[in-house]
Protein backbone atom coordinates (compact mmCIF):
# COMPACT_ATOMS: atom_id res chain seq x y z
CA MET A 1 70.81 75.13 116.93
CA ALA A 2 69.39 75.40 113.43
CA ASN A 3 70.59 72.86 110.88
CA PHE A 4 72.65 74.97 108.49
CA ASP A 5 74.14 73.33 105.43
CA ALA A 6 77.89 73.48 104.89
CA SER A 7 77.88 76.33 102.40
CA THR A 8 75.71 78.53 104.62
CA ALA A 9 77.80 77.88 107.73
CA LEU A 10 81.05 78.36 105.87
CA THR A 11 79.88 81.51 104.13
CA MET A 12 78.74 83.00 107.43
CA ALA A 13 82.08 82.29 109.13
CA TRP A 14 84.02 83.63 106.12
CA GLN A 15 81.95 86.83 106.10
CA ARG A 16 82.46 87.33 109.83
CA GLN A 17 86.19 86.93 109.32
CA SER A 18 86.15 89.61 106.63
CA VAL A 19 84.36 92.09 108.89
CA TRP A 20 86.69 91.55 111.85
CA SER A 21 89.75 91.68 109.60
CA GLN A 22 88.62 95.06 108.27
CA ALA A 23 88.00 96.32 111.80
CA ALA A 24 91.48 95.22 112.88
CA ALA A 25 93.08 96.89 109.85
CA ALA A 26 91.20 100.14 110.53
CA GLU A 27 92.31 100.13 114.17
CA LYS A 28 95.90 99.49 113.16
CA ARG A 29 95.80 102.40 110.71
CA ARG A 30 94.59 104.69 113.50
CA VAL A 31 97.41 103.60 115.79
CA VAL A 32 100.06 104.01 113.08
CA ARG A 33 98.72 107.42 112.02
CA ALA A 34 98.68 108.55 115.63
CA ARG A 35 102.29 107.47 116.18
CA ARG A 36 103.38 109.28 113.06
CA THR A 37 101.43 112.35 114.14
CA VAL A 38 103.07 112.37 117.57
CA ALA A 39 106.52 112.11 115.99
CA GLY A 40 105.69 114.81 113.42
CA LEU A 41 104.24 117.20 116.01
CA THR A 42 107.24 116.71 118.30
CA ILE A 43 109.69 117.44 115.48
CA GLY A 44 107.58 120.35 114.20
CA ALA A 45 107.40 121.93 117.64
CA ALA A 46 111.17 121.72 118.06
CA VAL A 47 111.86 123.24 114.64
CA ALA A 48 109.28 126.03 114.99
CA GLY A 49 110.44 126.87 118.50
CA SER A 50 114.06 127.12 117.42
CA LEU A 51 113.18 129.29 114.42
CA ALA A 52 111.06 131.56 116.62
CA THR A 53 113.98 132.07 118.99
CA GLN A 54 116.42 132.80 116.19
CA LEU A 55 114.20 135.28 114.37
CA GLY A 56 113.56 137.26 117.55
CA GLU A 57 112.78 140.98 117.53
CA PRO A 58 113.92 141.79 113.95
CA HIS A 59 111.11 139.55 112.69
CA ARG A 60 108.65 139.85 115.54
CA THR A 61 105.51 138.82 113.64
CA ALA A 62 107.06 135.70 112.14
CA SER A 63 108.71 134.86 115.44
CA ARG A 64 105.42 135.06 117.33
CA ALA A 65 103.63 133.00 114.69
CA LEU A 66 106.26 130.28 114.93
CA ALA A 67 106.14 130.33 118.73
CA ILE A 68 102.36 129.90 118.63
CA LEU A 69 102.78 127.09 116.11
CA ALA A 70 105.30 125.35 118.36
CA ALA A 71 103.02 125.70 121.39
CA ALA A 72 100.03 124.38 119.45
CA ALA A 73 102.03 121.37 118.25
CA LEU A 74 103.08 120.55 121.80
CA LEU A 75 99.50 120.85 123.01
CA LEU A 76 98.33 118.44 120.31
CA VAL A 77 100.90 115.76 121.17
CA PRO A 78 98.97 114.30 124.14
CA VAL A 79 95.75 114.44 122.12
CA ALA A 80 97.27 112.36 119.32
CA ALA A 81 98.97 110.10 121.84
CA ARG A 82 95.57 108.99 123.16
CA TRP A 83 95.21 106.87 120.01
CA THR A 84 98.45 105.05 120.85
CA SER A 85 97.43 104.11 124.39
CA ARG A 86 97.74 100.58 125.72
CA ASP A 87 93.95 100.12 125.54
CA THR A 88 93.85 101.14 121.88
CA VAL A 89 96.72 98.81 120.95
CA HIS A 90 95.06 96.05 122.97
CA ALA A 91 91.78 96.54 121.08
CA TRP A 92 93.59 96.36 117.74
CA THR A 93 95.42 93.15 118.66
CA ARG A 94 92.22 91.52 119.97
CA LEU A 95 90.38 92.37 116.76
CA ARG A 96 93.22 90.81 114.81
CA SER A 97 93.15 87.76 117.10
CA VAL A 98 89.44 87.17 116.43
CA SER A 99 89.97 87.56 112.70
CA GLU A 100 92.84 85.07 112.68
CA ALA A 101 90.93 82.55 114.80
CA LEU A 102 87.98 82.65 112.39
CA LYS A 103 90.36 82.26 109.45
CA ALA A 104 92.05 79.27 111.07
CA ASP A 105 88.70 77.53 111.64
CA VAL A 106 87.63 78.11 108.03
CA HIS A 107 90.85 76.54 106.78
CA ARG A 108 90.54 73.57 109.14
CA TYR A 109 86.94 73.10 108.01
CA LEU A 110 87.91 73.11 104.35
CA ALA A 111 90.74 70.64 105.00
CA GLY A 112 88.25 68.33 106.74
CA VAL A 113 90.25 67.81 109.94
CA ALA A 114 89.31 67.98 113.62
CA PRO A 115 87.22 69.49 115.01
CA PHE A 116 85.45 69.62 111.63
CA ALA A 117 85.80 66.00 110.53
CA GLY A 118 82.38 64.82 111.68
CA ALA A 119 78.87 65.04 110.26
CA ASP A 120 78.10 67.93 112.64
CA ARG A 121 80.95 70.11 111.38
CA ASP A 122 78.61 72.91 110.30
CA GLN A 123 77.22 73.20 113.81
CA VAL A 124 80.72 73.00 115.28
CA LEU A 125 81.93 75.81 113.04
CA LEU A 126 79.03 78.09 113.93
CA ARG A 127 79.24 77.25 117.63
CA ARG A 128 82.95 78.02 117.77
CA ALA A 129 82.43 81.28 115.89
CA ASP A 130 79.59 82.29 118.23
CA THR A 131 81.70 81.53 121.31
CA LEU A 132 84.62 83.50 119.92
CA LEU A 133 82.48 86.55 119.13
CA ASP A 134 80.63 86.36 122.47
CA ASP A 135 83.98 86.47 124.27
CA SER A 136 84.87 89.62 122.28
CA GLY A 137 81.48 91.29 122.62
CA ASP A 138 82.98 94.54 123.90
CA LEU A 139 84.62 95.01 120.49
CA VAL A 140 81.53 94.45 118.35
CA GLY A 141 80.88 98.19 118.19
CA ARG A 142 84.07 98.60 116.17
CA THR A 143 82.64 96.38 113.42
CA VAL A 144 79.41 98.34 112.97
CA GLY A 145 79.01 99.67 109.45
CA LEU A 146 81.50 97.25 107.93
CA ALA A 147 80.26 94.96 105.16
CA PRO A 148 81.95 91.67 104.23
CA VAL A 149 84.26 91.91 101.25
CA ALA A 150 83.17 89.75 98.33
CA ARG A 151 85.92 87.15 97.91
CA PRO A 152 86.11 83.45 97.11
CA LEU A 153 86.75 80.86 99.78
CA PRO A 154 90.28 79.47 99.91
CA ASP A 155 90.90 76.82 97.28
CA ILE A 156 91.16 74.00 99.80
CA HIS A 157 89.36 70.65 99.73
CA ASP A 158 91.78 68.31 101.51
CA VAL A 159 95.09 68.34 103.39
CA PRO A 160 97.39 68.44 100.31
CA SER A 161 95.55 71.51 99.00
CA TYR A 162 95.69 72.95 102.55
CA LEU A 163 99.47 72.56 102.46
CA THR A 164 99.66 74.45 99.16
CA ALA A 165 97.08 77.19 99.72
CA ARG A 166 97.33 77.78 103.45
CA VAL A 167 100.83 76.87 104.58
CA ARG A 168 102.94 77.65 101.52
CA GLY A 169 100.57 80.50 100.69
CA GLN A 170 101.30 82.08 104.07
CA VAL A 171 105.04 81.68 103.57
CA THR A 172 105.24 83.15 100.06
CA GLY A 173 102.32 85.55 100.24
CA TYR A 174 102.63 86.94 103.75
CA TYR A 175 105.46 86.02 106.11
CA THR A 176 108.40 86.29 103.70
CA PRO A 177 107.22 89.57 102.07
CA MET A 178 106.41 91.04 105.49
CA ALA A 179 109.83 90.09 106.86
CA ARG A 180 111.45 91.92 103.95
CA ARG A 181 109.15 94.92 104.38
CA MET A 182 109.89 95.18 108.11
CA ALA A 183 113.62 94.97 107.35
CA ARG A 184 113.33 97.88 104.89
CA LEU A 185 111.31 100.01 107.31
CA ALA A 186 113.71 99.30 110.18
CA ALA A 187 116.64 100.26 107.94
CA ARG A 188 114.96 103.53 106.94
CA VAL A 189 114.43 104.53 110.56
CA ARG A 190 118.03 103.62 111.44
CA TRP A 191 119.45 105.56 108.48
CA ALA A 192 117.29 108.59 109.25
CA ALA A 193 118.32 108.60 112.90
CA THR A 194 121.98 108.12 111.93
CA ALA A 195 121.81 110.99 109.42
CA VAL A 196 120.39 113.36 112.04
CA THR A 197 123.00 112.23 114.58
CA VAL A 198 125.82 112.90 112.08
CA ALA A 199 124.32 116.31 111.28
CA SER A 200 124.19 117.06 114.99
CA ALA A 201 127.84 116.11 115.39
CA LEU A 202 128.82 118.34 112.48
CA LEU A 203 126.86 121.25 114.00
CA ALA A 204 128.59 120.74 117.31
CA ALA A 205 131.99 120.66 115.62
CA THR A 206 131.20 123.82 113.64
CA VAL A 207 130.14 125.68 116.78
CA GLY A 208 133.25 124.46 118.57
CA VAL A 209 135.54 125.73 115.82
CA LEU A 210 133.79 128.90 114.60
CA GLY A 211 131.76 129.87 117.64
CA ASP A 212 128.03 130.46 117.68
CA GLY A 213 127.84 133.56 115.56
CA LEU A 214 125.26 131.89 113.32
CA GLY A 215 123.09 130.66 116.19
CA LEU A 216 123.67 127.02 115.45
CA THR A 217 123.66 125.90 119.09
CA ALA A 218 119.86 126.04 119.22
CA TRP A 219 119.70 123.48 116.43
CA LEU A 220 121.61 120.93 118.47
CA GLY A 221 118.55 120.55 120.68
CA VAL A 222 116.35 120.23 117.62
CA ALA A 223 118.57 117.47 116.24
CA ALA A 224 118.39 115.61 119.55
CA THR A 225 114.59 115.90 119.56
CA VAL A 226 114.34 114.64 115.98
CA THR A 227 116.59 111.67 116.74
CA THR A 228 114.56 110.77 119.83
CA ALA A 229 111.29 111.03 117.89
CA LEU A 230 112.57 108.85 115.05
CA VAL A 231 114.00 106.19 117.35
CA GLY A 232 110.86 106.23 119.49
CA TYR A 233 108.61 105.80 116.47
CA GLY A 234 110.69 102.90 115.16
CA ALA A 235 110.65 101.23 118.58
CA ALA A 236 106.87 101.63 118.87
CA GLU A 237 106.31 100.06 115.47
CA GLN A 238 108.55 97.10 116.44
CA TYR A 239 110.00 96.82 112.94
CA GLU A 240 113.03 94.76 113.89
CA ALA A 241 111.10 92.48 116.25
CA GLN A 242 108.44 91.84 113.62
CA GLN A 243 111.07 91.16 110.97
CA ILE A 244 112.54 88.43 113.14
CA GLU A 245 109.14 86.98 113.99
CA PHE A 246 107.95 86.87 110.38
CA ALA A 247 111.21 85.34 109.15
CA ARG A 248 111.18 82.74 111.93
CA THR A 249 107.59 81.72 111.17
CA ALA A 250 108.29 81.47 107.44
CA ASP A 251 111.24 79.19 108.19
CA GLN A 252 109.23 76.99 110.58
CA LEU A 253 106.35 76.56 108.11
CA THR A 254 108.75 75.82 105.25
CA ARG A 255 110.53 73.14 107.25
CA LEU A 256 107.19 71.66 108.27
CA CYS A 257 106.14 71.36 104.61
CA VAL A 258 109.46 69.89 103.49
CA THR A 259 109.37 67.30 106.26
CA ARG A 260 105.91 66.13 105.21
CA GLU A 261 106.52 66.27 101.46
CA THR A 262 109.73 64.23 101.70
CA GLY A 263 108.05 61.61 103.87
CA HIS A 264 110.32 62.22 106.85
CA GLY A 265 107.59 63.15 109.30
CA TRP A 266 104.20 64.76 109.90
CA THR A 267 102.46 62.07 107.89
CA ASP A 268 99.38 62.21 110.13
CA GLU A 269 97.10 64.71 108.42
CA GLU A 270 95.33 66.04 111.50
CA ALA A 271 98.62 66.41 113.37
CA PHE A 272 100.15 68.24 110.42
CA VAL A 273 97.28 70.76 110.18
CA ALA A 274 97.26 71.23 113.95
CA GLU A 275 100.99 71.95 113.96
CA ALA A 276 100.75 74.41 111.07
CA GLU A 277 97.94 76.31 112.78
CA ARG A 278 99.86 76.23 116.07
CA ILE A 279 102.87 77.87 114.43
CA ILE A 280 100.72 80.54 112.77
CA SER A 281 98.81 81.19 115.98
CA LEU A 282 101.98 81.47 118.08
CA SER A 283 103.43 83.92 115.59
CA ASN A 284 100.35 86.14 115.78
CA GLU A 285 100.13 85.92 119.56
CA GLY A 286 103.86 86.56 119.93
CA TRP A 287 104.11 89.87 118.10
CA MET A 288 100.73 91.07 119.40
CA ALA A 289 101.73 90.39 123.01
CA LYS A 290 105.04 92.18 122.45
CA MET A 291 103.20 95.18 121.01
CA ILE A 292 101.02 95.44 124.11
CA GLU A 293 103.95 94.82 126.48
CA GLU A 294 106.18 97.44 124.86
CA ASP A 295 103.36 99.98 124.61
CA GLY A 296 102.53 99.54 128.27
CA ALA A 297 106.18 99.82 129.32
CA ALA A 298 106.54 103.05 127.35
CA GLN A 299 103.72 104.65 129.32
CA GLN A 300 104.92 103.72 132.82
């Protein structure tokens, strides 16, 4: 292997991480957009179909247009759903896994701990990156056309700076904000589903008391479809599960830092870095595995 100096090796690994991170983010956006599209098409088809039925012969042209719109929406659902398949979700999570593994190695390298504590640490970094990318060769096509983002390396030069920039930085800059964001998104889905359920109950009560002279019965089915679509979308996005995972990881990393800083444990530098990276890795692997598991179960 060629004898690269530290800056060249590090820059190359950091650039690779940028490219794979972008690829993972792009794949995630496709999956999320597809899930939203499926939910939107399902709701749109239900609404248009109900309106078409209610308009009937007195408004034949509008009724036919809405019926065609409903049929088209239903036909497009399986097309959009292809982007939410198990294979697509698996590709996204693998791209993210490669990105996170490269990031972890860069941080270990900067901290100067194993396996980057020796004189050959440049070669070790490049060799590990090459092995990682070779194992994910089937995904390389998804990185074509992506250029590394210009950004500075993490401000890490030893283990104390690793604790500040990597561990506490992850807690305050990622895990805690993401836990709050997932909580808000989960709450929005729950409130939306609850609102539609209440509206459905009110419709049913109105029909029961006044009869169906206004044609409200048809909208009960629409309300049920909307509720199912909202709940299904929220379940697919795993908002509540991710909230718990992010909050748990933030708590574990915080306790790890406090234990070391107060001198009550984790005084061995290499052990401390290894434990921090283990916690971060388990968090990533945990929610990614759950995504794949839940997506596969939904399609059985």
